[in-house]
Protein backbone atom coordinates (compact mmCIF):
# COMPACT_ATOMS: atom_id res chain seq x y z
CA UNK A 1 -13.64 43.67 -8.40
CA UNK A 2 -12.32 43.92 -11.92
CA UNK A 3 -8.84 45.19 -12.68
CA UNK A 4 -8.64 48.42 -14.67
CA UNK A 5 -6.07 49.85 -17.03
CA UNK A 6 -5.59 53.42 -18.14
CA UNK A 7 -5.69 54.36 -21.83
CA UNK A 8 -2.04 55.42 -21.71
CA UNK A 9 -0.97 52.06 -20.22
CA UNK A 10 -3.00 50.22 -22.85
CA UNK A 11 -1.48 52.32 -25.64
CA UNK A 12 1.98 51.31 -24.39
CA UNK A 13 1.08 47.62 -24.34
CA UNK A 14 -0.43 47.80 -27.83
CA UNK A 15 2.78 49.36 -29.13
CA UNK A 16 4.64 46.15 -28.30
CA UNK A 17 3.09 43.18 -30.10
CA UNK A 18 4.60 40.63 -27.71
CA UNK A 19 2.71 42.14 -24.79
CA UNK A 20 -0.46 43.30 -26.55
CA UNK A 21 -3.68 42.04 -25.10
CA UNK A 22 -6.74 41.46 -27.14
CA UNK A 23 -9.11 44.45 -26.94
CA UNK A 24 -12.84 43.71 -26.96
CA UNK A 25 -15.02 46.72 -27.82
CA UNK A 26 -18.53 46.18 -26.57
CA UNK A 27 -20.05 49.31 -28.09
CA UNK A 28 -22.85 49.24 -30.72
CA UNK A 29 -22.08 49.41 -34.45
CA UNK A 30 -23.42 53.04 -34.68
CA UNK A 31 -20.84 54.00 -31.99
CA UNK A 32 -18.01 52.31 -33.88
CA UNK A 33 -18.97 54.33 -36.97
CA UNK A 34 -18.44 57.52 -34.90
CA UNK A 35 -15.20 56.61 -33.20
CA UNK A 36 -13.08 53.44 -33.14
CA UNK A 37 -9.61 52.05 -32.47
CA UNK A 38 -8.18 49.77 -35.12
CA UNK A 39 -6.80 46.99 -32.98
CA UNK A 40 -10.10 45.83 -31.47
CA UNK A 41 -12.60 43.07 -31.96
CA UNK A 42 -16.25 44.20 -31.70
CA UNK A 43 -18.99 42.24 -29.97
CA UNK A 44 -21.80 44.52 -28.81
CA UNK A 45 -22.61 44.09 -25.10
CA UNK A 46 -25.95 42.37 -25.71
CA UNK A 47 -24.31 39.73 -27.94
CA UNK A 48 -21.47 38.80 -25.59
CA UNK A 49 -23.28 35.97 -23.78
CA UNK A 50 -24.03 34.22 -27.10
CA UNK A 51 -20.61 34.86 -28.58
CA UNK A 52 -18.23 34.01 -25.69
CA UNK A 53 -16.96 30.96 -27.57
CA UNK A 54 -15.27 33.37 -30.06
CA UNK A 55 -12.95 34.54 -27.32
CA UNK A 56 -10.08 32.64 -25.65
CA UNK A 57 -10.62 32.50 -21.89
CA UNK A 58 -6.89 32.19 -21.21
CA UNK A 59 -5.87 35.29 -23.25
CA UNK A 60 -5.49 38.70 -21.62
CA UNK A 61 -8.57 40.68 -22.60
CA UNK A 62 -9.12 44.44 -22.23
CA UNK A 63 -12.79 45.36 -22.51
CA UNK A 64 -13.76 48.82 -23.64
CA UNK A 65 -16.89 50.86 -24.32
CA UNK A 66 -17.67 54.63 -24.40
CA UNK A 67 -16.81 55.60 -20.81
CA UNK A 68 -15.99 52.30 -19.04
CA UNK A 69 -19.33 51.39 -17.46
CA UNK A 70 -20.66 48.80 -19.91
CA UNK A 71 -17.23 47.32 -20.32
CA UNK A 72 -16.94 46.88 -16.52
CA UNK A 73 -20.17 44.92 -16.53
CA UNK A 74 -18.96 42.75 -19.38
CA UNK A 75 -15.63 42.17 -17.69
CA UNK A 76 -17.43 40.99 -14.49
CA UNK A 77 -19.59 38.73 -16.61
CA UNK A 78 -16.53 37.22 -18.35
CA UNK A 79 -14.66 36.68 -15.05
CA UNK A 80 -17.69 34.84 -13.71
CA UNK A 81 -17.54 32.58 -16.73
CA UNK A 82 -13.93 31.55 -16.34
CA UNK A 83 -11.95 34.19 -18.24
CA UNK A 84 -8.76 34.37 -16.24
CA UNK A 85 -7.44 37.80 -17.21
CA UNK A 86 -10.08 40.38 -17.98
CA UNK A 87 -9.28 44.08 -17.55
CA UNK A 88 -11.65 47.10 -17.91
CA UNK A 89 -10.43 50.14 -19.89
CA UNK A 90 -10.98 53.07 -17.58
CA UNK A 91 -12.62 55.96 -19.42
CA UNK A 92 -13.22 53.97 -22.60
CA UNK A 93 -12.97 55.44 -26.11
CA UNK A 94 -13.66 58.89 -24.69
CA UNK A 95 -10.52 58.85 -22.60
CA UNK A 96 -8.61 57.26 -25.54
CA UNK A 97 -9.66 60.25 -27.70
CA UNK A 98 -8.76 62.79 -25.03
CA UNK A 99 -5.43 61.31 -23.90
CA UNK A 100 -4.02 59.09 -26.64
CA UNK A 101 -5.39 59.91 -30.05
CA UNK A 102 -7.14 63.28 -30.42
CA UNK A 103 -7.93 62.48 -34.09
CA UNK A 104 -10.62 60.08 -32.90
CA UNK A 105 -13.90 62.02 -32.51
CA UNK A 106 -15.48 62.32 -29.11
CA UNK A 107 -19.20 61.86 -28.80
């Protein structure tokens, strides 16, 4: 089972740099063009296996996608490969748009 965090809890963490986790957005570039959050690093889901070395396995990582399904799969994958603190963003960018920043378009 992968831990989950709500968008509101993540927003609170990101507001305080000393507690801010790294946010990995696993959506495709066309999705980022429609809606994105500034404080993320983007590695599309299909590229994650080949690009894991770009990420620190000891750093707290919140994984996000559109609704939280792809990110959950990526979080499980990362946990299986030794990432110690991986958290899925429940609801993804859609929930972020609805609950945190309504200026971000929903799609």
